[in-house]
PDB file of N, CA and C in Angstrom:
ATOM      1  N   MET A   1       5.298-106.161 -69.607  1.00  0.00           N
ATOM      2  CA  MET A   1       4.127-105.329 -69.595  1.00  0.00           C
ATOM      3  C   MET A   1       2.903-106.193 -69.281  1.00  0.00           C
ATOM      4  N   ILE A   2       2.080-105.648 -68.418  1.00  0.00           N
ATOM      5  CA  ILE A   2       0.883-106.378 -68.032  1.00  0.00           C
ATOM      6  C   ILE A   2      -0.151-106.243 -69.137  1.00  0.00           C
ATOM      7  N   LEU A   3      -0.742-107.360 -69.487  1.00  0.00           N
ATOM      8  CA  LEU A   3      -1.776-107.318 -70.521  1.00  0.00           C
ATOM      9  C   LEU A   3      -3.085-106.873 -69.904  1.00  0.00           C
ATOM     10  N   LEU A   4      -3.596-105.818 -70.442  1.00  0.00           N
ATOM     11  CA  LEU A   4      -4.868-105.277 -69.980  1.00  0.00           C
ATOM     12  C   LEU A   4      -5.843-105.301 -71.143  1.00  0.00           C
ATOM     13  N   PRO A   5      -7.118-105.252 -70.842  1.00  0.00           N
ATOM     14  CA  PRO A   5      -8.096-105.192 -71.934  1.00  0.00           C
ATOM     15  C   PRO A   5      -7.889-103.924 -72.770  1.00  0.00           C
ATOM     16  N   TRP A   6      -8.275-103.978 -74.030  1.00  0.00           N
ATOM     17  CA  TRP A   6      -8.052-102.872 -74.957  1.00  0.00           C
ATOM     18  C   TRP A   6      -8.727-101.597 -74.498  1.00  0.00           C
ATOM     19  N   TRP A   7      -9.865-101.710 -73.823  1.00  0.00           N
ATOM     20  CA  TRP A   7     -10.609-100.527 -73.416  1.00  0.00           C
ATOM     21  C   TRP A   7      -9.895 -99.750 -72.308  1.00  0.00           C
ATOM     22  N   VAL A   8      -9.026-100.437 -71.545  1.00  0.00           N
ATOM     23  CA  VAL A   8      -8.257 -99.743 -70.507  1.00  0.00           C
ATOM     24  C   VAL A   8      -7.263 -98.796 -71.169  1.00  0.00           C
ATOM     25  N   TYR A   9      -6.609 -99.274 -72.221  1.00  0.00           N
ATOM     26  CA  TYR A   9      -5.681 -98.413 -72.953  1.00  0.00           C
ATOM     27  C   TYR A   9      -6.423 -97.245 -73.597  1.00  0.00           C
ATOM     28  N   LEU A  10      -7.621 -97.513 -74.091  1.00  0.00           N
ATOM     29  CA  LEU A  10      -8.438 -96.466 -74.684  1.00  0.00           C
ATOM     30  C   LEU A  10      -8.815 -95.409 -73.635  1.00  0.00           C
ATOM     31  N   CYS A  11      -9.138 -95.847 -72.422  1.00  0.00           N
ATOM     32  CA  CYS A  11      -9.462 -94.907 -71.340  1.00  0.00           C
ATOM     33  C   CYS A  11      -8.253 -94.051 -70.969  1.00  0.00           C
ATOM     34  N   ILE A  12      -7.092 -94.667 -70.917  1.00  0.00           N
ATOM     35  CA  ILE A  12      -5.867 -93.925 -70.589  1.00  0.00           C
ATOM     36  C   ILE A  12      -5.594 -92.876 -71.663  1.00  0.00           C
ATOM     37  N   LEU A  13      -5.738 -93.259 -72.926  1.00  0.00           N
ATOM     38  CA  LEU A  13      -5.551 -92.293 -74.009  1.00  0.00           C
ATOM     39  C   LEU A  13      -6.581 -91.171 -73.915  1.00  0.00           C
ATOM     40  N   GLY A  14      -7.812 -91.493 -73.570  1.00  0.00           N
ATOM     41  CA  GLY A  14      -8.850 -90.482 -73.413  1.00  0.00           C
ATOM     42  C   GLY A  14      -8.527 -89.510 -72.295  1.00  0.00           C
ATOM     43  N   ILE A  15      -8.006 -90.010 -71.193  1.00  0.00           N
ATOM     44  CA  ILE A  15      -7.625 -89.155 -70.058  1.00  0.00           C
ATOM     45  C   ILE A  15      -6.500 -88.216 -70.463  1.00  0.00           C
ATOM     46  N   LEU A  16      -5.498 -88.747 -71.142  1.00  0.00           N
ATOM     47  CA  LEU A  16      -4.375 -87.914 -71.585  1.00  0.00           C
ATOM     48  C   LEU A  16      -4.841 -86.851 -72.580  1.00  0.00           C
ATOM     49  N   TYR A  17      -5.697 -87.224 -73.513  1.00  0.00           N
ATOM     50  CA  TYR A  17      -6.215 -86.269 -74.492  1.00  0.00           C
ATOM     51  C   TYR A  17      -7.053 -85.191 -73.813  1.00  0.00           C
ATOM     52  N   SER A  18      -7.861 -85.594 -72.861  1.00  0.00           N
ATOM     53  CA  SER A  18      -8.693 -84.635 -72.135  1.00  0.00           C
ATOM     54  C   SER A  18      -7.818 -83.633 -71.374  1.00  0.00           C
ATOM     55  N   GLY A  19      -6.765 -84.099 -70.746  1.00  0.00           N
ATOM     56  CA  GLY A  19      -5.843 -83.209 -70.044  1.00  0.00           C
ATOM     57  C   GLY A  19      -5.181 -82.231 -70.983  1.00  0.00           C
ATOM     58  N   TYR A  20      -4.761 -82.724 -72.140  1.00  0.00           N
ATOM     59  CA  TYR A  20      -4.136 -81.849 -73.131  1.00  0.00           C
ATOM     60  C   TYR A  20      -5.109 -80.775 -73.602  1.00  0.00           C
ATOM     61  N   MET A  21      -6.332 -81.165 -73.903  1.00  0.00           N
ATOM     62  CA  MET A  21      -7.331 -80.206 -74.379  1.00  0.00           C
ATOM     63  C   MET A  21      -7.671 -79.180 -73.295  1.00  0.00           C
ATOM     64  N   ALA A  22      -7.756 -79.613 -72.047  1.00  0.00           N
ATOM     65  CA  ALA A  22      -8.040 -78.676 -70.955  1.00  0.00           C
ATOM     66  C   ALA A  22      -6.913 -77.655 -70.835  1.00  0.00           C
ATOM     67  N   PHE A  23      -5.682 -78.119 -70.933  1.00  0.00           N
ATOM     68  CA  PHE A  23      -4.521 -77.232 -70.845  1.00  0.00           C
ATOM     69  C   PHE A  23      -4.508 -76.223 -71.990  1.00  0.00           C
ATOM     70  N   SER A  24      -4.705 -76.702 -73.220  1.00  0.00           N
ATOM     71  CA  SER A  24      -4.640 -75.791 -74.371  1.00  0.00           C
ATOM     72  C   SER A  24      -5.812 -74.809 -74.363  1.00  0.00           C
ATOM     73  N   THR A  25      -6.986 -75.246 -73.954  1.00  0.00           N
ATOM     74  CA  THR A  25      -8.139 -74.350 -73.889  1.00  0.00           C
ATOM     75  C   THR A  25      -7.920 -73.266 -72.844  1.00  0.00           C
ATOM     76  N   THR A  26      -7.379 -73.640 -71.703  1.00  0.00           N
ATOM     77  CA  THR A  26      -7.097 -72.670 -70.645  1.00  0.00           C
ATOM     78  C   THR A  26      -6.104 -71.621 -71.139  1.00  0.00           C
ATOM     79  N   ARG A  27      -5.094 -72.060 -71.855  1.00  0.00           N
ATOM     80  CA  ARG A  27      -4.094 -71.137 -72.395  1.00  0.00           C
ATOM     81  C   ARG A  27      -4.714 -70.156 -73.386  1.00  0.00           C
ATOM     82  N   LYS A  28      -5.564 -70.656 -74.275  1.00  0.00           N
ATOM     83  CA  LYS A  28      -6.209 -69.799 -75.271  1.00  0.00           C
ATOM     84  C   LYS A  28      -7.152 -68.805 -74.596  1.00  0.00           C
ATOM     85  N   GLU A  29      -7.896 -69.261 -73.601  1.00  0.00           N
ATOM     86  CA  GLU A  29      -8.810 -68.366 -72.887  1.00  0.00           C
ATOM     87  C   GLU A  29      -8.048 -67.262 -72.165  1.00  0.00           C
ATOM     88  N   LYS A  30      -6.889 -67.592 -71.625  1.00  0.00           N
ATOM     89  CA  LYS A  30      -6.080 -66.592 -70.931  1.00  0.00           C
ATOM     90  C   LYS A  30      -5.605 -65.516 -71.898  1.00  0.00           C
ATOM     91  N   ILE A  31      -5.215 -65.914 -73.096  1.00  0.00           N
ATOM     92  CA  ILE A  31      -4.759 -64.951 -74.103  1.00  0.00           C
ATOM     93  C   ILE A  31      -5.904 -64.020 -74.504  1.00  0.00           C
ATOM     94  N   VAL A  32      -7.096 -64.588 -74.720  1.00  0.00           N
ATOM     95  CA  VAL A  32      -8.257 -63.779 -75.096  1.00  0.00           C
ATOM     96  C   VAL A  32      -8.624 -62.833 -73.965  1.00  0.00           C
ATOM     97  N   GLU A  33      -8.591 -63.325 -72.731  1.00  0.00           N
ATOM     98  CA  GLU A  33      -8.937 -62.496 -71.571  1.00  0.00           C
ATOM     99  C   GLU A  33      -7.951 -61.335 -71.407  1.00  0.00           C
ATOM    100  N   GLU A  34      -6.672 -61.595 -71.592  1.00  0.00           N
ATOM    101  CA  GLU A  34      -5.680 -60.528 -71.482  1.00  0.00           C
ATOM    102  C   GLU A  34      -5.886 -59.464 -72.557  1.00  0.00           C
ATOM    103  N   ALA A  35      -6.241 -59.885 -73.765  1.00  0.00           N
ATOM    104  CA  ALA A  35      -6.496 -58.923 -74.842  1.00  0.00           C
ATOM    105  C   ALA A  35      -7.714 -58.062 -74.506  1.00  0.00           C
ATOM    106  N   TYR A  36      -8.750 -58.674 -73.937  1.00  0.00           N
ATOM    107  CA  TYR A  36      -9.949 -57.933 -73.556  1.00  0.00           C
ATOM    108  C   TYR A  36      -9.631 -56.924 -72.454  1.00  0.00           C
ATOM    109  N   ILE A  37      -8.872 -57.356 -71.460  1.00  0.00           N
ATOM    110  CA  ILE A  37      -8.503 -56.469 -70.356  1.00  0.00           C
ATOM    111  C   ILE A  37      -7.687 -55.291 -70.874  1.00  0.00           C
ATOM    112  N   GLU A  38      -6.758 -55.561 -71.786  1.00  0.00           N
ATOM    113  CA  GLU A  38      -5.936 -54.486 -72.344  1.00  0.00           C
ATOM    114  C   GLU A  38      -6.802 -53.494 -73.125  1.00  0.00           C
ATOM    115  N   LYS A  39      -7.754 -54.003 -73.884  1.00  0.00           N
ATOM    116  CA  LYS A  39      -8.648 -53.138 -74.657  1.00  0.00           C
ATOM    117  C   LYS A  39      -9.478 -52.256 -73.724  1.00  0.00           C
ATOM    118  N   GLU A  40     -10.037 -52.839 -72.685  1.00  0.00           N
ATOM    119  CA  GLU A  40     -10.840 -52.074 -71.731  1.00  0.00           C
ATOM    120  C   GLU A  40      -9.981 -51.043 -70.993  1.00  0.00           C
ATOM    121  N   GLY A  41      -8.748 -51.390 -70.685  1.00  0.00           N
ATOM    122  CA  GLY A  41      -7.834 -50.452 -70.039  1.00  0.00           C
ATOM    123  C   GLY A  41      -7.547 -49.256 -70.924  1.00  0.00           C
ATOM    124  N   ASN A  42      -7.367 -49.508 -72.212  1.00  0.00           N
ATOM    125  CA  ASN A  42      -7.126 -48.408 -73.151  1.00  0.00           C
ATOM    126  C   ASN A  42      -8.335 -47.487 -73.241  1.00  0.00           C
ATOM    127  N   VAL A  43      -9.534 -48.058 -73.220  1.00  0.00           N
ATOM    128  CA  VAL A  43     -10.753 -47.244 -73.250  1.00  0.00           C
ATOM    129  C   VAL A  43     -10.813 -46.366 -72.002  1.00  0.00           C
ATOM    130  N   TYR A  44     -10.488 -46.942 -70.851  1.00  0.00           N
ATOM    131  CA  TYR A  44     -10.512 -46.194 -69.589  1.00  0.00           C
ATOM    132  C   TYR A  44      -9.495 -45.053 -69.607  1.00  0.00           C
ATOM    133  N   ILE A  45      -8.294 -45.332 -70.082  1.00  0.00           N
ATOM    134  CA  ILE A  45      -7.251 -44.304 -70.135  1.00  0.00           C
ATOM    135  C   ILE A  45      -7.659 -43.188 -71.092  1.00  0.00           C
ATOM    136  N   GLU A  46      -8.249 -43.555 -72.234  1.00  0.00           N
ATOM    137  CA  GLU A  46      -8.725 -42.536 -73.175  1.00  0.00           C
ATOM    138  C   GLU A  46      -9.761 -41.634 -72.518  1.00  0.00           C
ATOM    139  N   ARG A  47     -10.680 -42.229 -71.789  1.00  0.00           N
ATOM    140  CA  ARG A  47     -11.724 -41.462 -71.109  1.00  0.00           C
ATOM    141  C   ARG A  47     -11.100 -40.519 -70.077  1.00  0.00           C
ATOM    142  N   MET A  48     -10.104 -40.994 -69.351  1.00  0.00           N
ATOM    143  CA  MET A  48      -9.433 -40.148 -68.359  1.00  0.00           C
ATOM    144  C   MET A  48      -8.749 -38.957 -69.035  1.00  0.00           C
ATOM    145  N   LEU A  49      -8.071 -39.209 -70.145  1.00  0.00           N
ATOM    146  CA  LEU A  49      -7.370 -38.137 -70.846  1.00  0.00           C
ATOM    147  C   LEU A  49      -8.342 -37.092 -71.383  1.00  0.00           C
ATOM    148  N   LYS A  50      -9.477 -37.546 -71.915  1.00  0.00           N
ATOM    149  CA  LYS A  50     -10.476 -36.599 -72.405  1.00  0.00           C
ATOM    150  C   LYS A  50     -11.027 -35.756 -71.263  1.00  0.00           C
ATOM    151  N   GLU A  51     -11.307 -36.390 -70.139  1.00  0.00           N
ATOM    152  CA  GLU A  51     -11.827 -35.656 -68.977  1.00  0.00           C
ATOM    153  C   GLU A  51     -10.798 -34.645 -68.477  1.00  0.00           C
ATOM    154  N   ARG A  52      -9.536 -35.020 -68.459  1.00  0.00           N
ATOM    155  CA  ARG A  52      -8.476 -34.112 -68.024  1.00  0.00           C
ATOM    156  C   ARG A  52      -8.390 -32.914 -68.957  1.00  0.00           C
ATOM    157  N   GLU A  53      -8.518 -33.175 -70.266  1.00  0.00           N
ATOM    158  CA  GLU A  53      -8.457 -32.088 -71.237  1.00  0.00           C
ATOM    159  C   GLU A  53      -9.650 -31.140 -71.063  1.00  0.00           C
ATOM    160  N   ILE A  54     -10.823 -31.686 -70.805  1.00  0.00           N
ATOM    161  CA  ILE A  54     -12.009 -30.846 -70.583  1.00  0.00           C
ATOM    162  C   ILE A  54     -11.817 -29.986 -69.346  1.00  0.00           C
ATOM    163  N   ARG A  55     -11.278 -30.548 -68.285  1.00  0.00           N
ATOM    164  CA  ARG A  55     -11.053 -29.786 -67.058  1.00  0.00           C
ATOM    165  C   ARG A  55     -10.048 -28.664 -67.285  1.00  0.00           C
ATOM    166  N   ARG A  56      -8.977 -28.964 -68.008  1.00  0.00           N
ATOM    167  CA  ARG A  56      -7.980 -27.920 -68.301  1.00  0.00           C
ATOM    168  C   ARG A  56      -8.611 -26.794 -69.117  1.00  0.00           C
ATOM    169  N   LYS A  57      -9.426 -27.179 -70.098  1.00  0.00           N
ATOM    170  CA  LYS A  57     -10.084 -26.186 -70.933  1.00  0.00           C
ATOM    171  C   LYS A  57     -11.009 -25.306 -70.095  1.00  0.00           C
ATOM    172  N   ASN A  58     -11.737 -25.897 -69.146  1.00  0.00           N
ATOM    173  CA  ASN A  58     -12.631 -25.146 -68.285  1.00  0.00           C
ATOM    174  C   ASN A  58     -11.842 -24.205 -67.364  1.00  0.00           C
ATOM    175  N   GLN A  59     -10.690 -24.660 -66.866  1.00  0.00           N
ATOM    176  CA  GLN A  59      -9.851 -23.813 -66.011  1.00  0.00           C
ATOM    177  C   GLN A  59      -9.301 -22.643 -66.795  1.00  0.00           C
ATOM    178  N   ASP A  60      -8.897 -22.882 -68.039  1.00  0.00           N
ATOM    179  CA  ASP A  60      -8.356 -21.812 -68.886  1.00  0.00           C
ATOM    180  C   ASP A  60      -9.427 -20.787 -69.212  1.00  0.00           C
ATOM    181  N   ASP A  61     -10.653 -21.256 -69.408  1.00  0.00           N
ATOM    182  CA  ASP A  61     -11.765 -20.328 -69.700  1.00  0.00           C
ATOM    183  C   ASP A  61     -12.113 -19.448 -68.499  1.00  0.00           C
ATOM    184  N   GLU A  62     -11.944 -19.973 -67.297  1.00  0.00           N
ATOM    185  CA  GLU A  62     -12.267 -19.227 -66.090  1.00  0.00           C
ATOM    186  C   GLU A  62     -11.259 -18.117 -65.843  1.00  0.00           C
ATOM    187  N   MET A  63     -10.057 -18.278 -66.267  1.00  0.00           N
ATOM    188  CA  MET A  63      -9.019 -17.287 -66.001  1.00  0.00           C
ATOM    189  C   MET A  63      -9.086 -16.173 -66.953  1.00  0.00           C
TER     190      MET A  63
END
């Protein structure tokens, strides 16, 4: 093994730690984003169902 100054090993450890943190943060953000998208999708579907029910009610009243 080549002897390098101690700070070189410290830099290598810092690079590896930074990569790990970037990976784990990206994973956590993706999970949060998917939960938000799912929540917004449910709100949209609820709104569509309510609108459909209102339209059916209006059609029934006209007949």
